[in-house]
Amino acid sequence: DDRRRDRNTNAHGTSLRSCGDVEQNPGPSKLKVVSVNVRSLRSRATELEKLMHDQDLDVVMLQETFLSKADDAQFEGYTVYRRDRAEPKTKKGRLRRGGVATLVKKNLTSEQTYSTDQMSYTERTDFTVYLDKKKKITFVNVYLPPGTATDKFKPDSLPVGDGYVIAGDFNSHAKLWARRDNEDVLGKKLQTWMLKNDMLPMNDPKTPTQHTTRGTLTTPDIVMTS
């Protein structure tokens, strides 16, 4: 039941994974970056703004924004990069899930460098933060909807190498980032790709990222880099 799942998932807030601090920024000594499955940006805006202010965040990567093109999403002091669902509702009138957005402080030089089209099974937007003339970091914000067919998920389309941080809700489980979860086919596929390309998780595999009122603790979310 979608409504029951919403209450259970959202009761304890959202899934929050910290990328840690990126120590290459010549302006501020560090970049503070988090990734959050927000499950409706409009309903979480006040909570999110408080988090951004209290933690003085430089980059905020959001999944399941539930936004459509008609929705306004402005945050003072931040540039917003979005990839919304094409249609806000299903044929049955239910709110479509998904959508990704990334907020970057305006005092950082940044630009969106890639966004998947509306027909893609993997929702994704990439943006690059230029630290100086020679240094840059590209952040890749990903949402993989639950129930995605294995053959539709193509991890080889993700970038690899130095200077990339990939984060998001992959709705997949493997021991590399979720030791307490039962592995699934999507998780094993992503894990194989990560090990092949030396992409390692930055989140603690022993610490779940999703808490529900039913007591379920899982880790469908990953932050990874090389």
Protein backbone atom coordinates (compact mmCIF):
# COMPACT_ATOMS: atom_id res chain seq x y z
CA ASP A 1 0.00 0.00 0.00
CA ASP A 2 1.65 3.27 -1.16
CA ARG A 3 0.09 5.42 1.55
CA ARG A 4 1.17 3.08 4.34
CA ARG A 5 4.68 2.94 2.92
CA ASP A 6 4.84 6.77 2.87
CA ARG A 7 3.95 7.05 6.54
CA ASN A 8 6.43 4.39 7.57
CA THR A 9 9.27 5.78 5.50
CA ASN A 10 8.79 9.44 6.35
CA ALA A 11 8.00 9.18 10.06
CA HIS A 12 11.68 9.29 11.03
CA GLY A 13 12.57 11.93 8.51
CA THR A 14 14.75 11.10 5.53
CA SER A 15 17.74 8.98 4.60
CA LEU A 16 20.85 11.08 5.17
CA ARG A 17 24.28 10.08 3.97
CA SER A 18 27.28 12.35 4.38
CA CYS A 19 29.96 12.37 1.71
CA GLY A 20 32.31 13.62 4.36
CA ASP A 21 34.56 16.56 3.63
CA VAL A 22 36.27 17.12 0.29
CA GLU A 23 39.59 18.73 1.12
CA GLN A 24 40.47 20.35 -2.21
CA ASN A 25 38.57 23.62 -2.08
CA PRO A 26 40.96 26.60 -2.10
CA GLY A 27 38.27 28.97 -0.78
CA PRO A 28 36.70 27.34 2.24
CA SER A 29 39.04 24.63 3.53
CA LYS A 30 36.42 21.90 3.03
CA LEU A 31 33.22 21.18 1.12
CA LYS A 32 30.36 19.91 3.24
CA VAL A 33 28.20 17.58 1.16
CA VAL A 34 25.14 15.50 2.05
CA SER A 35 22.73 13.31 0.11
CA VAL A 36 19.11 13.01 1.25
CA ASN A 37 16.11 11.02 0.04
CA VAL A 38 13.70 13.81 0.86
CA ARG A 39 10.43 12.15 -0.27
CA SER A 40 8.68 15.41 -1.26
CA LEU A 41 10.79 18.53 -1.30
CA ARG A 42 7.80 20.81 -0.78
CA SER A 43 6.81 19.14 2.48
CA ARG A 44 10.41 19.00 3.71
CA ALA A 45 11.54 22.50 2.65
CA THR A 46 11.54 24.05 6.14
CA GLU A 47 13.35 21.06 7.68
CA LEU A 48 15.86 21.06 4.84
CA GLU A 49 16.58 24.78 5.12
CA LYS A 50 17.27 24.38 8.84
CA LEU A 51 19.69 21.51 8.12
CA MET A 52 21.46 23.56 5.45
CA HIS A 53 21.78 26.54 7.78
CA ASP A 54 22.79 24.61 10.89
CA GLN A 55 25.40 22.52 9.08
CA ASP A 56 26.50 25.28 6.68
CA LEU A 57 26.24 22.84 3.77
CA ASP A 58 27.94 23.52 0.43
CA VAL A 59 26.22 20.82 -1.65
CA VAL A 60 22.91 19.07 -1.01
CA MET A 61 21.91 16.14 -3.26
CA LEU A 62 18.20 15.25 -3.10
CA GLN A 63 16.24 12.27 -4.38
CA GLU A 64 12.48 11.74 -4.68
CA THR A 65 11.73 15.44 -4.82
CA PHE A 66 8.21 14.77 -6.22
CA LEU A 67 8.48 18.01 -8.23
CA SER A 68 7.00 18.82 -11.63
CA LYS A 69 7.98 21.61 -14.00
CA ALA A 70 5.22 23.78 -12.55
CA ASP A 71 6.71 23.67 -9.04
CA ASP A 72 8.98 26.44 -7.82
CA ALA A 73 11.96 25.43 -5.68
CA GLN A 74 14.18 28.29 -4.58
CA PHE A 75 16.63 28.32 -1.68
CA GLU A 76 18.34 31.56 -0.74
CA GLY A 77 22.05 31.47 -1.44
CA TYR A 78 21.92 28.25 -3.48
CA THR A 79 21.80 27.37 -7.17
CA VAL A 80 19.25 24.59 -7.83
CA TYR A 81 19.83 21.92 -10.49
CA ARG A 82 16.75 19.76 -11.12
CA ARG A 83 15.60 16.72 -13.08
CA ASP A 84 11.83 16.43 -12.56
CA ARG A 85 9.36 13.76 -13.61
CA ALA A 86 7.73 14.63 -16.92
CA GLU A 87 4.22 14.08 -15.59
CA PRO A 88 3.35 14.94 -11.97
CA LYS A 89 0.63 12.29 -11.70
CA THR A 90 -0.10 8.79 -12.98
CA LYS A 91 -3.12 7.97 -15.15
CA LYS A 92 -4.94 6.97 -11.96
CA GLY A 93 -4.29 10.39 -10.43
CA ARG A 94 -1.62 9.31 -7.95
CA LEU A 95 1.39 11.51 -7.33
CA ARG A 96 4.40 10.31 -9.26
CA ARG A 97 7.46 9.62 -7.20
CA GLY A 98 11.04 10.27 -8.15
CA GLY A 99 12.88 13.33 -9.34
CA VAL A 100 16.32 14.56 -8.29
CA ALA A 101 17.66 17.99 -7.41
CA THR A 102 20.98 19.35 -6.24
CA LEU A 103 21.59 22.59 -4.34
CA VAL A 104 24.99 24.25 -4.60
CA LYS A 105 26.10 27.36 -2.74
CA LYS A 106 26.20 30.35 -5.06
CA ASN A 107 29.67 31.33 -3.87
CA LEU A 108 30.95 28.17 -5.59
CA THR A 109 31.46 28.12 -9.35
CA SER A 110 29.33 25.26 -10.69
CA GLU A 111 27.43 24.07 -13.73
CA GLN A 112 25.17 21.17 -14.66
CA THR A 113 27.05 18.87 -17.00
CA TYR A 114 24.57 16.04 -17.61
CA SER A 115 20.95 15.08 -17.04
CA THR A 116 19.13 11.93 -18.11
CA ASP A 117 16.16 12.35 -20.42
CA GLN A 118 12.57 11.81 -19.30
CA MET A 119 12.46 8.25 -20.68
CA SER A 120 15.49 7.03 -18.77
CA TYR A 121 14.90 4.39 -16.08
CA THR A 122 17.67 5.88 -13.95
CA GLU A 123 17.06 9.48 -12.87
CA ARG A 124 20.29 11.38 -12.71
CA THR A 125 21.83 14.83 -12.84
CA ASP A 126 25.57 15.61 -12.83
CA PHE A 127 27.12 18.91 -11.89
CA THR A 128 30.69 20.10 -11.59
CA VAL A 129 32.11 22.37 -8.90
CA TYR A 130 35.23 24.21 -10.03
CA LEU A 131 37.63 24.61 -7.14
CA ASP A 132 40.21 26.56 -9.13
CA LYS A 133 41.53 26.61 -12.69
CA LYS A 134 43.00 23.12 -12.36
CA LYS A 135 40.80 21.37 -9.80
CA LYS A 136 37.18 20.32 -10.07
CA ILE A 137 34.82 17.75 -8.59
CA THR A 138 31.87 16.27 -10.47
CA PHE A 139 28.96 15.12 -8.32
CA VAL A 140 26.50 12.57 -9.73
CA ASN A 141 23.05 12.52 -8.13
CA VAL A 142 21.12 9.29 -8.81
CA TYR A 143 17.67 7.88 -8.10
CA LEU A 144 16.86 4.34 -9.21
CA PRO A 145 13.13 3.64 -8.72
CA PRO A 146 12.20 0.47 -6.79
CA GLY A 147 11.28 -2.48 -8.93
CA THR A 148 13.54 -1.45 -11.81
CA ALA A 149 14.15 -4.41 -14.10
CA THR A 150 17.72 -5.66 -13.92
CA ASP A 151 18.32 -5.24 -17.65
CA LYS A 152 17.17 -1.59 -17.48
CA PHE A 153 19.83 -0.63 -14.93
CA LYS A 154 23.11 0.09 -16.70
CA PRO A 155 25.84 1.02 -14.19
CA ASP A 156 28.39 1.26 -17.03
CA SER A 157 26.71 4.55 -17.92
CA LEU A 158 28.01 6.04 -14.64
CA PRO A 159 31.34 7.89 -14.72
CA VAL A 160 34.43 6.49 -13.04
CA GLY A 161 37.84 7.82 -12.11
CA ASP A 162 39.33 10.56 -9.98
CA GLY A 163 37.24 13.63 -9.33
CA TYR A 164 33.82 11.94 -9.21
CA VAL A 165 31.47 11.52 -6.26
CA ILE A 166 28.35 9.44 -6.96
CA ALA A 167 25.51 9.52 -4.44
CA GLY A 168 21.85 8.64 -4.28
CA ASP A 169 19.09 6.17 -3.60
CA PHE A 170 19.78 3.09 -5.70
CA ASN A 171 17.09 0.92 -4.09
CA SER A 172 19.53 -1.97 -4.20
CA HIS A 173 21.36 -3.97 -1.56
CA ALA A 174 24.74 -5.67 -1.33
CA LYS A 175 27.23 -6.40 1.43
CA LEU A 176 29.72 -3.81 0.16
CA TRP A 177 27.57 -0.96 1.52
CA ALA A 178 24.78 -2.75 3.44
CA ARG A 179 26.08 -5.62 5.56
CA ARG A 180 22.83 -6.17 7.43
CA ASP A 181 20.65 -6.31 4.27
CA ASN A 182 19.74 -9.28 2.12
CA GLU A 183 21.51 -8.91 -1.20
CA ASP A 184 19.38 -8.53 -4.32
CA VAL A 185 20.09 -8.82 -8.04
CA LEU A 186 20.41 -5.07 -8.62
CA GLY A 187 22.72 -4.76 -5.63
CA LYS A 188 25.00 -7.54 -6.85
CA LYS A 189 25.11 -5.94 -10.31
CA LEU A 190 26.08 -2.56 -8.87
CA GLN A 191 28.57 -4.13 -6.45
CA THR A 192 30.32 -5.96 -9.31
CA TRP A 193 30.59 -2.69 -11.24
CA MET A 194 31.94 -0.82 -8.21
CA LEU A 195 34.65 -3.41 -7.49
CA LYS A 196 35.61 -3.60 -11.16
CA ASN A 197 36.08 0.18 -11.35
CA ASP A 198 37.58 0.76 -7.88
CA MET A 199 34.55 2.77 -6.75
CA LEU A 200 34.25 2.37 -2.98
CA PRO A 201 31.37 3.32 -0.66
CA MET A 202 31.97 6.22 1.70
CA ASN A 203 29.06 5.44 4.00
CA ASP A 204 29.55 2.94 6.86
CA PRO A 205 28.17 -0.45 5.67
CA LYS A 206 27.15 -1.24 9.25
CA THR A 207 24.98 1.86 9.59
CA PRO A 208 21.53 1.79 7.93
CA THR A 209 20.34 4.86 6.02
CA GLN A 210 16.62 4.11 6.11
CA HIS A 211 14.61 3.87 9.34
CA THR A 212 10.87 3.12 9.40
CA THR A 213 8.19 3.11 12.09
CA ARG A 214 7.91 -0.66 11.60
CA GLY A 215 11.46 -1.03 12.86
CA THR A 216 12.95 -1.81 9.46
CA LEU A 217 16.57 -0.76 9.05
CA THR A 218 18.02 -0.95 5.54
CA THR A 219 20.59 0.73 3.32
CA PRO A 220 19.31 1.39 -0.21
CA ASP A 221 21.48 4.52 -0.41
CA ILE A 222 25.11 4.85 -1.38
CA VAL A 223 27.82 7.49 -1.55
CA MET A 224 30.81 6.30 -3.55
CA THR A 225 34.06 7.61 -5.02
CA SER A 226 37.32 6.25 -6.38
